[in-house]
Amino acid sequence: MVKIYMIILKVLFIYNGLIQIIRCYKKFAPHRLNNIIHENNKNNIGTYDIKSKALKKLYERKLIHYVSDIRNIDKILYHNENEKEKKNRKSVYAGIDLTCKYLHLGNLVPLITLDILRNHNTDVIILLGNSTTQIGDPSFQKVERQKTLEKDILENEENIRRTIIELFLQREICEEDMNELIKKSNIERDKEFIYESDNKGSLIILKNSLWYDKMNIIDFLKYGEYFSINKLLRKECFLNKIKKNLTLKDLNYITLQSFDFLHLFNKFKTCIQIGGSDQWGNIQSGIELAQYISNTQLYGLTTNLLVYKNNIKYSKSQFNENKRLPIWIDKNYNSPYLFWNFLRNVEDQKVQSYIDMLTNLKININQEIETVYNPMDTNLNEILDETLDDSNKKKKNNDNNNNNNNVKDINITTEHNNYSNDISLEKSYEEKINQAKKQLSDSVTSYIFGEHTVKKIHKMKDVLKNNEFHKINNIDDIKSISIC
């Protein structure tokens, strides 16, 4: 009898536990069910008519890799585009770790994404992770990241902040005002940098030590109840390291980045986080944290990665391995000419993706080659048809021997035309790809270093090519692009 009673108690205990789990699930799961589990359906752009001009442009530029909820992201951006009152807009943000003194070519993708959004009336926040850099992002890392010293982080922060301000504002303000703005941002480095434009969204730069320096460890650890260790360990970004040495520090990084998202939402109404496609695991955790704590739906947008040879992504943390590559966006460290020349010689198969993501150029290399080739292909078919028609007419009037000779002539003509078309197609491809590379290098170098720098590069190239050194009026023209 006692055994039966104990069994009944166990059943009731399990039943009550299940009820509590279901209640908790109902409280926190609706957004996740609708927006994460079924987000693939919402991410299908083919079945949805985008209203936001900014989002359309991001897709046209092939910048977007994934969006967590295309309808609601479109709704937010469309609202911003038509909202005159800044206080009624919602913002977006992207984070940058300070593991290196310079930004690189790959960093341009999320920055260009933010620039497009800002040009369409959305406030953009660039978060400099001076606190999270001390932990190190473990995403897709096989080994421990090299630690960045605190003094290096301070130097990296100042340099990267300057680069960001120059990139976003060089077409809006004069050089003198730019220098004053950068000087002011360095003096007030422990404050938020906010630049407001009348016809654009605001540019906001801040660092996450602004809130972590005010938190104690106990207050932060209280948020740990919202992170499931089992769920974290299943994230794709940890798969490489879990086989080696996944540490508590690694797991804490994702909680810090999640809290960043929540903090920015509470202070700046930040509803969308932007990051590379390898950052989805971190972004998703921030979305879930906001759901747990405030039952609020936030969103993520990941960009395609710009890759180098062997499809390896550009990396700030591998500066020592890549410091000789002219991929760094800093004219004091990297020669504008070498930067231009690097893009001028990018691999053929990568040119189209670089053009799409890094420029506004309306170039479709394959389409342009087809435009040149197809008329020739059509003429070839017409020639063959005419030749065959003539051959059929002759059949009625000539004997079999003459017919055989005509067929041989047709075969020879066909082979000759096919060979000529192959050579012509190869020549057209080389011409188009070289022209595209030149336009790519001009456009990106102009975006970073200014149009005047590109003009100087071409002037110096012509001087060197034609040995016309007498045309150099000022030696500073050479120094400014570091061509020698």
Protein backbone atom coordinates (compact mmCIF):
# COMPACT_ATOMS: atom_id res chain seq x y z
CA MET A 1 0.00 0.00 0.00
CA VAL A 2 2.86 2.35 0.90
CA LYS A 3 4.57 1.58 -2.43
CA ILE A 4 1.41 2.45 -4.37
CA TYR A 5 1.11 5.70 -2.41
CA MET A 6 4.73 6.62 -3.23
CA ILE A 7 4.18 5.89 -6.93
CA ILE A 8 1.11 8.16 -6.97
CA LEU A 9 3.12 10.96 -5.31
CA LYS A 10 5.88 10.60 -7.92
CA VAL A 11 3.36 10.77 -10.76
CA LEU A 12 1.78 13.91 -9.26
CA PHE A 13 5.21 15.47 -8.80
CA ILE A 14 6.16 14.81 -12.43
CA TYR A 15 2.76 16.09 -13.60
CA ASN A 16 3.13 19.36 -11.65
CA GLY A 17 6.64 19.76 -13.04
CA LEU A 18 5.36 19.37 -16.59
CA ILE A 19 2.64 21.96 -15.94
CA GLN A 20 5.26 24.46 -14.75
CA ILE A 21 7.41 23.80 -17.81
CA ILE A 22 4.44 24.31 -20.14
CA ARG A 23 3.50 27.56 -18.39
CA CYS A 24 7.05 28.83 -18.67
CA TYR A 25 7.16 27.74 -22.30
CA LYS A 26 3.94 29.54 -23.11
CA LYS A 27 5.25 32.69 -21.48
CA PHE A 28 8.52 32.87 -23.37
CA ALA A 29 8.14 30.71 -26.48
CA PRO A 30 5.58 32.46 -28.74
CA HIS A 31 8.07 34.87 -30.29
CA ARG A 32 10.66 32.15 -30.71
CA LEU A 33 8.18 29.83 -32.35
CA ASN A 34 6.96 32.45 -34.77
CA ASN A 35 10.22 34.19 -35.51
CA ILE A 36 13.06 31.70 -35.06
CA ILE A 37 11.75 28.20 -35.72
CA HIS A 38 9.69 29.34 -38.70
CA GLU A 39 11.93 32.20 -39.73
CA ASN A 40 12.97 30.39 -42.88
CA ASN A 41 9.51 31.00 -44.29
CA LYS A 42 9.69 34.69 -43.36
CA ASN A 43 13.16 34.95 -44.83
CA ASN A 44 11.91 33.88 -48.25
CA ILE A 45 12.18 37.16 -50.14
CA GLY A 46 10.60 35.57 -53.20
CA THR A 47 7.19 35.52 -51.49
CA TYR A 48 7.36 38.94 -49.87
CA ASP A 49 7.14 42.44 -51.36
CA ILE A 50 9.69 44.63 -49.55
CA LYS A 51 8.59 48.21 -48.84
CA SER A 52 11.76 49.62 -47.28
CA LYS A 53 14.10 51.25 -49.80
CA ALA A 54 17.08 50.49 -47.57
CA LEU A 55 16.27 46.78 -47.30
CA LYS A 56 15.73 46.56 -51.06
CA LYS A 57 19.14 48.10 -51.64
CA LEU A 58 20.81 45.70 -49.20
CA TYR A 59 19.39 42.77 -51.15
CA GLU A 60 20.33 44.35 -54.49
CA ARG A 61 23.89 44.77 -53.25
CA LYS A 62 23.90 41.12 -52.12
CA LEU A 63 24.95 42.22 -48.65
CA ILE A 64 22.38 40.16 -46.75
CA HIS A 65 23.10 36.59 -45.78
CA TYR A 66 20.18 36.06 -43.38
CA VAL A 67 17.41 37.96 -41.62
CA SER A 68 15.53 36.58 -38.62
CA ASP A 69 12.18 38.10 -39.67
CA ILE A 70 12.02 39.89 -43.00
CA ARG A 71 8.51 41.29 -42.49
CA ASN A 72 9.15 42.98 -39.18
CA ILE A 73 12.62 44.20 -40.14
CA ASP A 74 11.11 45.68 -43.29
CA LYS A 75 8.36 47.27 -41.19
CA ILE A 76 10.88 48.90 -38.81
CA LEU A 77 13.08 50.28 -41.60
CA TYR A 78 10.10 51.49 -43.65
CA HIS A 79 8.76 53.28 -40.56
CA ASN A 80 12.14 54.97 -40.01
CA GLU A 81 12.27 56.12 -43.63
CA ASN A 82 8.95 57.92 -43.27
CA GLU A 83 9.30 59.17 -39.68
CA LYS A 84 10.41 62.80 -39.32
CA GLU A 85 10.72 62.75 -35.52
CA LYS A 86 14.01 61.18 -34.41
CA LYS A 87 12.55 60.18 -31.06
CA ASN A 88 10.05 57.90 -32.82
CA ARG A 89 12.64 55.95 -34.82
CA LYS A 90 14.23 52.65 -33.89
CA SER A 91 17.96 52.12 -34.27
CA VAL A 92 20.26 49.34 -35.47
CA TYR A 93 23.73 48.42 -34.24
CA ALA A 94 26.86 46.49 -35.08
CA GLY A 95 29.71 45.66 -32.72
CA ILE A 96 33.45 45.82 -33.41
CA ASP A 97 36.02 44.14 -31.20
CA LEU A 98 39.25 46.06 -30.62
CA THR A 99 41.70 43.23 -31.24
CA CYS A 100 43.58 45.28 -33.83
CA LYS A 101 44.54 48.90 -34.42
CA TYR A 102 43.06 48.95 -37.92
CA LEU A 103 39.89 47.95 -39.70
CA HIS A 104 40.31 45.75 -42.76
CA LEU A 105 38.60 45.27 -46.10
CA GLY A 106 36.16 42.71 -44.66
CA ASN A 107 34.92 45.22 -42.05
CA LEU A 108 33.60 47.35 -44.89
CA VAL A 109 30.65 44.98 -45.43
CA PRO A 110 28.82 45.63 -42.11
CA LEU A 111 29.92 49.30 -42.20
CA ILE A 112 28.53 49.79 -45.72
CA THR A 113 25.34 48.07 -44.54
CA LEU A 114 25.06 50.59 -41.70
CA ASP A 115 25.87 53.46 -44.06
CA ILE A 116 23.02 52.46 -46.39
CA LEU A 117 20.60 52.26 -43.45
CA ARG A 118 21.76 55.64 -42.15
CA ASN A 119 21.28 57.20 -45.59
CA HIS A 120 17.67 56.02 -45.36
CA ASN A 121 16.89 57.73 -42.05
CA THR A 122 17.79 54.97 -39.57
CA ASP A 123 19.99 55.80 -36.58
CA VAL A 124 23.04 53.53 -36.53
CA ILE A 125 25.12 52.58 -33.50
CA ILE A 126 28.66 51.25 -33.71
CA LEU A 127 29.59 49.58 -30.45
CA LEU A 128 33.30 49.37 -29.70
CA GLY A 129 33.73 46.32 -27.50
CA ASN A 130 36.59 47.42 -25.29
CA SER A 131 35.26 45.22 -22.46
CA THR A 132 34.40 42.18 -24.58
CA THR A 133 37.77 42.38 -26.34
CA GLN A 134 39.41 41.46 -23.04
CA ILE A 135 37.42 38.21 -23.12
CA GLY A 136 37.78 37.44 -26.84
CA ASP A 137 35.12 36.14 -29.21
CA PRO A 138 35.47 32.32 -29.37
CA SER A 139 33.10 31.95 -32.35
CA PHE A 140 34.46 29.38 -34.84
CA GLN A 141 37.90 29.51 -33.19
CA LYS A 142 39.89 26.28 -32.87
CA VAL A 143 42.46 27.67 -30.45
CA GLU A 144 42.60 30.39 -27.81
CA ARG A 145 42.72 33.93 -29.18
CA GLN A 146 45.84 35.94 -28.47
CA LYS A 147 45.10 38.27 -25.56
CA THR A 148 44.91 41.99 -26.28
CA LEU A 149 46.57 44.16 -23.65
CA GLU A 150 44.55 46.97 -22.08
CA LYS A 151 46.94 49.67 -23.34
CA ASP A 152 46.62 48.24 -26.86
CA ILE A 153 42.82 48.28 -26.57
CA LEU A 154 42.91 52.00 -25.74
CA GLU A 155 45.10 52.72 -28.77
CA ASN A 156 42.99 50.49 -31.03
CA GLU A 157 39.81 52.20 -29.85
CA GLU A 158 41.08 55.68 -30.68
CA ASN A 159 42.30 54.68 -34.13
CA ILE A 160 39.20 52.71 -35.11
CA ARG A 161 36.89 55.46 -33.87
CA ARG A 162 38.75 57.94 -36.07
CA THR A 163 38.48 55.62 -39.09
CA ILE A 164 34.74 55.17 -38.59
CA ILE A 165 34.10 58.91 -38.29
CA GLU A 166 36.11 59.54 -41.47
CA LEU A 167 34.32 56.80 -43.41
CA PHE A 168 30.82 57.92 -42.48
CA LEU A 169 31.24 61.69 -42.51
CA GLN A 170 33.91 62.54 -45.10
CA ARG A 171 31.24 63.32 -47.71
CA GLU A 172 29.26 65.49 -45.27
CA ILE A 173 31.77 67.80 -43.59
CA CYS A 174 34.99 69.55 -44.56
CA GLU A 175 38.43 68.33 -43.48
CA GLU A 176 38.82 71.05 -40.85
CA ASP A 177 35.51 70.18 -39.18
CA MET A 178 36.40 66.50 -39.41
CA ASN A 179 39.65 67.02 -37.53
CA GLU A 180 37.87 69.01 -34.82
CA LEU A 181 35.24 66.30 -34.48
CA ILE A 182 37.85 63.55 -34.14
CA LYS A 183 39.79 65.62 -31.61
CA LYS A 184 36.64 66.14 -29.55
CA SER A 185 35.78 62.42 -29.67
CA ASN A 186 39.23 61.57 -28.30
CA ILE A 187 38.89 64.05 -25.43
CA GLU A 188 35.41 62.75 -24.60
CA ARG A 189 36.25 59.09 -25.19
CA ASP A 190 34.30 58.01 -22.10
CA LYS A 191 31.11 59.56 -23.46
CA GLU A 192 28.80 58.64 -26.30
CA PHE A 193 29.73 60.13 -29.66
CA ILE A 194 26.55 61.29 -31.41
CA TYR A 195 26.50 63.07 -34.77
CA GLU A 196 23.06 64.11 -36.02
CA SER A 197 22.23 64.93 -39.64
CA ASP A 198 19.15 66.71 -40.95
CA ASN A 199 18.48 64.34 -43.84
CA LYS A 200 20.03 61.13 -42.49
CA GLY A 201 19.98 58.95 -39.43
CA SER A 202 22.31 59.71 -36.53
CA LEU A 203 25.77 58.18 -36.19
CA ILE A 204 26.40 56.96 -32.64
CA ILE A 205 29.70 55.50 -31.44
CA LEU A 206 30.12 54.19 -27.91
CA LYS A 207 31.94 51.48 -25.96
CA ASN A 208 30.44 48.80 -23.74
CA SER A 209 32.65 49.63 -20.75
CA LEU A 210 30.21 52.53 -20.19
CA TRP A 211 27.84 50.06 -18.53
CA TYR A 212 30.09 47.17 -17.53
CA ASP A 213 32.28 49.46 -15.42
CA LYS A 214 29.17 50.30 -13.40
CA MET A 215 28.12 46.67 -12.85
CA ASN A 216 29.45 44.29 -10.23
CA ILE A 217 29.99 40.62 -10.94
CA ILE A 218 27.04 39.47 -8.82
CA ASP A 219 24.58 41.70 -10.66
CA PHE A 220 25.77 40.38 -13.99
CA LEU A 221 25.75 36.71 -12.95
CA LYS A 222 22.07 37.03 -12.10
CA TYR A 223 21.41 37.10 -15.84
CA GLY A 224 22.96 33.64 -16.06
CA GLU A 225 19.60 32.01 -15.31
CA TYR A 226 18.44 32.99 -18.80
CA PHE A 227 21.21 31.06 -20.58
CA SER A 228 20.97 27.30 -20.95
CA ILE A 229 24.42 25.67 -20.95
CA ASN A 230 23.07 22.75 -22.97
CA LYS A 231 21.74 25.14 -25.59
CA LEU A 232 24.98 27.14 -25.72
CA LEU A 233 27.04 23.99 -26.25
CA ARG A 234 24.90 23.06 -29.25
CA LYS A 235 25.65 26.34 -31.03
CA GLU A 236 27.56 25.92 -34.27
CA CYS A 237 30.03 28.67 -33.33
CA PHE A 238 31.39 26.51 -30.48
CA LEU A 239 31.73 23.23 -32.38
CA ASN A 240 35.42 23.74 -33.28
CA LYS A 241 36.50 24.69 -29.80
CA ILE A 242 34.39 22.26 -27.77
CA LYS A 243 36.61 19.43 -29.04
CA LYS A 244 39.74 21.26 -27.85
CA ASN A 245 39.31 23.51 -24.84
CA LEU A 246 36.03 25.41 -24.45
CA THR A 247 36.28 27.51 -21.29
CA LEU A 248 33.88 29.36 -19.01
CA LYS A 249 35.38 32.58 -20.36
CA ASP A 250 34.30 31.57 -23.86
CA LEU A 251 30.73 31.00 -22.73
CA ASN A 252 30.72 34.34 -20.91
CA TYR A 253 31.51 36.21 -24.12
CA ILE A 254 28.15 35.31 -25.61
CA THR A 255 26.34 36.45 -22.45
CA LEU A 256 28.15 39.80 -22.58
CA GLN A 257 27.25 40.39 -26.22
CA SER A 258 23.66 39.39 -25.49
CA PHE A 259 23.50 41.91 -22.66
CA ASP A 260 24.91 44.59 -25.00
CA PHE A 261 21.89 44.11 -27.27
CA LEU A 262 19.48 44.31 -24.34
CA HIS A 263 21.14 47.46 -22.96
CA LEU A 264 21.07 49.23 -26.34
CA PHE A 265 17.41 48.33 -26.76
CA ASN A 266 16.56 49.82 -23.37
CA LYS A 267 18.51 53.04 -23.98
CA PHE A 268 18.38 53.64 -27.75
CA LYS A 269 15.39 51.53 -28.88
CA THR A 270 17.82 49.33 -30.81
CA CYS A 271 15.77 46.54 -32.41
CA ILE A 272 18.14 45.12 -35.01
CA GLN A 273 21.68 43.80 -34.60
CA ILE A 274 23.91 43.50 -37.65
CA GLY A 275 26.90 41.19 -37.91
CA GLY A 276 28.74 38.83 -40.22
CA SER A 277 27.20 35.47 -41.01
CA ASP A 278 29.55 33.89 -38.43
CA GLN A 279 27.94 36.03 -35.69
CA TRP A 280 24.44 34.55 -35.86
CA GLY A 281 24.88 32.47 -32.69
CA ASN A 282 25.77 35.56 -30.64
CA ILE A 283 22.96 37.63 -32.18
CA GLN A 284 20.40 34.90 -31.54
CA SER A 285 21.33 34.73 -27.85
CA GLY A 286 20.73 38.48 -27.52
CA ILE A 287 17.32 38.10 -29.15
CA GLU A 288 16.41 35.32 -26.73
CA LEU A 289 17.64 37.26 -23.67
CA ALA A 290 15.33 40.17 -24.54
CA GLN A 291 12.44 37.73 -24.92
CA TYR A 292 13.07 36.20 -21.51
CA ILE A 293 13.54 39.43 -19.58
CA SER A 294 11.07 41.83 -21.18
CA ASN A 295 9.05 39.63 -23.55
CA THR A 296 10.27 41.91 -26.35
CA GLN A 297 11.04 40.79 -29.89
CA LEU A 298 14.38 41.91 -31.29
CA TYR A 299 15.82 40.98 -34.68
CA GLY A 300 19.06 40.00 -36.38
CA LEU A 301 20.48 40.66 -39.84
CA THR A 302 23.68 38.94 -40.91
CA THR A 303 25.81 40.00 -43.84
CA ASN A 304 27.75 37.93 -46.32
CA LEU A 305 31.45 37.57 -45.60
CA LEU A 306 34.03 39.07 -47.90
CA VAL A 307 36.59 36.34 -48.47
CA TYR A 308 40.15 36.21 -49.73
CA LYS A 309 42.05 33.38 -51.41
CA ASN A 310 40.86 29.86 -50.54
CA ASN A 311 37.66 31.48 -49.19
CA ILE A 312 39.40 32.62 -46.00
CA LYS A 313 37.76 35.62 -44.36
CA TYR A 314 39.69 38.76 -43.48
CA SER A 315 40.48 38.88 -39.76
CA LYS A 316 41.71 41.62 -37.40
CA SER A 317 42.85 39.01 -34.88
CA GLN A 318 45.27 37.60 -37.49
CA PHE A 319 46.97 40.95 -38.06
CA ASN A 320 50.47 39.54 -37.48
CA GLU A 321 49.93 36.96 -40.23
CA ASN A 322 48.36 39.48 -42.64
CA LYS A 323 50.09 42.75 -41.77
CA ARG A 324 51.98 42.74 -45.06
CA LEU A 325 48.75 42.53 -47.05
CA PRO A 326 47.53 46.00 -48.12
CA ILE A 327 44.00 45.35 -46.84
CA TRP A 328 44.02 47.72 -43.87
CA ILE A 329 41.82 50.81 -43.95
CA ASP A 330 44.26 53.36 -42.62
CA LYS A 331 46.16 55.75 -44.89
CA ASN A 332 48.81 56.34 -42.21
CA TYR A 333 49.63 52.62 -42.14
CA ASN A 334 48.54 51.36 -45.53
CA SER A 335 49.54 52.90 -48.86
CA PRO A 336 46.44 53.99 -50.85
CA TYR A 337 48.22 52.90 -54.01
CA LEU A 338 48.94 49.41 -52.65
CA PHE A 339 45.34 49.18 -51.46
CA TRP A 340 44.13 50.20 -54.93
CA ASN A 341 46.51 47.73 -56.58
CA PHE A 342 45.39 44.90 -54.28
CA LEU A 343 41.80 45.32 -55.50
CA ARG A 344 43.03 45.76 -59.06
CA ASN A 345 44.49 42.25 -58.88
CA VAL A 346 41.78 40.44 -56.95
CA GLU A 347 40.97 36.91 -58.16
CA ASP A 348 38.70 36.80 -61.21
CA GLN A 349 36.07 34.63 -59.53
CA LYS A 350 35.80 37.06 -56.61
CA VAL A 351 35.41 40.26 -58.65
CA GLN A 352 31.62 40.14 -58.98
CA SER A 353 31.01 39.61 -55.25
CA TYR A 354 33.44 42.45 -54.39
CA ILE A 355 31.66 44.78 -56.83
CA ASP A 356 28.23 43.87 -55.46
CA MET A 357 29.09 44.28 -51.78
CA LEU A 358 31.63 47.10 -51.82
CA THR A 359 30.40 49.44 -54.56
CA ASN A 360 27.34 51.06 -56.12
CA LEU A 361 28.51 50.04 -59.58
CA LYS A 362 25.85 48.49 -61.81
CA ILE A 363 28.09 45.82 -63.29
CA ASN A 364 27.11 42.26 -64.15
CA ILE A 365 30.18 40.70 -65.72
CA ASN A 366 28.49 37.54 -67.01
CA GLN A 367 25.61 39.51 -68.49
CA GLU A 368 27.97 41.91 -70.26
CA ILE A 369 29.96 39.03 -71.74
CA GLU A 370 26.75 37.37 -72.94
CA THR A 371 25.70 40.65 -74.56
CA VAL A 372 28.90 40.58 -76.59
CA TYR A 373 28.80 36.86 -77.28
CA ASN A 374 25.14 36.18 -78.06
CA PRO A 375 24.91 38.29 -81.22
CA MET A 376 27.88 36.36 -82.55
CA ASP A 377 26.20 33.13 -81.53
CA THR A 378 23.03 34.21 -83.34
CA ASN A 379 24.99 35.12 -86.48
CA LEU A 380 26.68 31.75 -86.33
CA ASN A 381 23.32 29.96 -86.28
CA GLU A 382 22.04 32.12 -89.14
CA ILE A 383 25.11 31.32 -91.21
CA LEU A 384 24.67 27.62 -90.54
CA ASP A 385 20.96 27.77 -91.41
CA GLU A 386 21.65 29.60 -94.67
CA THR A 387 24.39 27.15 -95.56
CA LEU A 388 22.13 24.19 -94.86
CA ASP A 389 19.30 25.73 -96.92
CA ASP A 390 21.65 26.26 -99.84
CA SER A 391 22.82 22.69 -99.47
CA ASN A 392 19.24 21.36 -99.55
CA LYS A 393 18.48 23.35 -102.71
CA LYS A 394 21.56 22.00 -104.40
CA LYS A 395 20.46 18.47 -103.52
CA LYS A 396 17.64 18.72 -106.00
CA ASN A 397 19.94 19.75 -108.83
CA ASN A 398 23.25 18.04 -108.11
CA ASP A 399 24.37 14.46 -107.81
CA ASN A 400 25.31 12.68 -104.54
CA ASN A 401 29.04 13.40 -104.87
CA ASN A 402 28.45 17.12 -104.92
CA ASN A 403 26.18 16.79 -101.87
CA ASN A 404 28.93 15.04 -99.89
CA ASN A 405 31.36 17.82 -100.72
CA ASN A 406 28.87 20.42 -99.45
CA VAL A 407 28.49 18.60 -96.12
CA LYS A 408 32.28 18.59 -95.66
CA ASP A 409 32.37 22.32 -96.37
CA ILE A 410 29.66 22.91 -93.75
CA ASN A 411 31.58 20.92 -91.12
CA ILE A 412 34.78 22.87 -91.79
CA THR A 413 32.92 26.18 -91.62
CA THR A 414 31.22 25.18 -88.35
CA GLU A 415 34.49 24.15 -86.69
CA HIS A 416 36.19 27.36 -87.80
CA ASN A 417 33.35 29.54 -86.51
CA ASN A 418 33.21 27.69 -83.17
CA TYR A 419 36.96 28.14 -82.72
CA SER A 420 36.70 31.84 -83.59
CA ASN A 421 33.86 32.29 -81.13
CA ASP A 422 35.82 30.57 -78.34
CA ILE A 423 38.75 32.95 -78.88
CA SER A 424 36.41 35.93 -79.07
CA LEU A 425 34.60 34.89 -75.89
CA GLU A 426 37.89 34.49 -74.00
CA LYS A 427 39.07 37.89 -75.22
CA SER A 428 35.76 39.51 -74.24
CA TYR A 429 35.97 37.91 -70.79
CA GLU A 430 39.50 39.23 -70.20
CA GLU A 431 38.53 42.72 -71.35
CA LYS A 432 35.39 42.82 -69.21
CA ILE A 433 37.05 41.39 -66.10
CA ASN A 434 39.96 43.85 -66.34
CA GLN A 435 37.61 46.76 -66.85
CA ALA A 436 35.53 45.59 -63.87
CA LYS A 437 38.64 45.30 -61.66
CA LYS A 438 39.69 48.84 -62.54
CA GLN A 439 36.24 50.21 -61.69
CA LEU A 440 36.19 48.17 -58.47
CA SER A 441 39.57 49.45 -57.27
CA ASP A 442 38.71 53.06 -58.22
CA SER A 443 35.34 52.95 -56.46
CA VAL A 444 36.46 51.35 -53.17
CA THR A 445 39.66 53.41 -52.91
CA SER A 446 37.63 56.56 -53.54
CA TYR A 447 35.12 55.53 -50.84
CA ILE A 448 37.89 55.14 -48.26
CA PHE A 449 40.63 57.59 -49.22
CA GLY A 450 38.70 60.08 -51.34
CA GLU A 451 38.24 60.70 -55.06
CA HIS A 452 41.25 63.05 -55.16
CA THR A 453 43.51 60.16 -54.07
CA VAL A 454 42.34 57.99 -56.98
CA LYS A 455 43.06 60.82 -59.43
CA LYS A 456 46.58 61.10 -58.02
CA ILE A 457 47.09 57.35 -58.39
CA HIS A 458 46.14 57.45 -62.07
CA LYS A 459 48.28 60.51 -62.67
CA MET A 460 51.33 58.85 -61.12
CA LYS A 461 50.71 55.63 -63.06
CA ASP A 462 50.67 57.57 -66.33
CA VAL A 463 53.85 59.42 -65.37
CA LEU A 464 55.68 56.18 -64.59
CA LYS A 465 54.34 54.40 -67.66
CA ASN A 466 55.36 57.16 -70.08
CA ASN A 467 58.48 58.38 -68.23
CA GLU A 468 56.97 61.86 -68.01
CA PHE A 469 58.48 62.87 -64.68
CA HIS A 470 58.59 66.51 -65.77
CA LYS A 471 54.81 66.59 -65.23
CA ILE A 472 55.25 66.17 -61.47
CA ASN A 473 54.83 69.63 -59.97
CA ASN A 474 54.75 68.61 -56.32
CA ILE A 475 56.64 65.76 -54.66
CA ASP A 476 53.84 65.58 -52.08
CA ASP A 477 51.61 64.09 -54.79
CA ILE A 478 53.81 61.00 -54.71
CA LYS A 479 54.13 60.94 -50.94
CA SER A 480 50.37 61.19 -50.44
CA ILE A 481 49.75 57.88 -52.19
CA SER A 482 53.07 56.26 -51.22
CA ILE A 483 53.56 54.87 -54.68
CA CYS A 484 57.28 54.30 -54.22
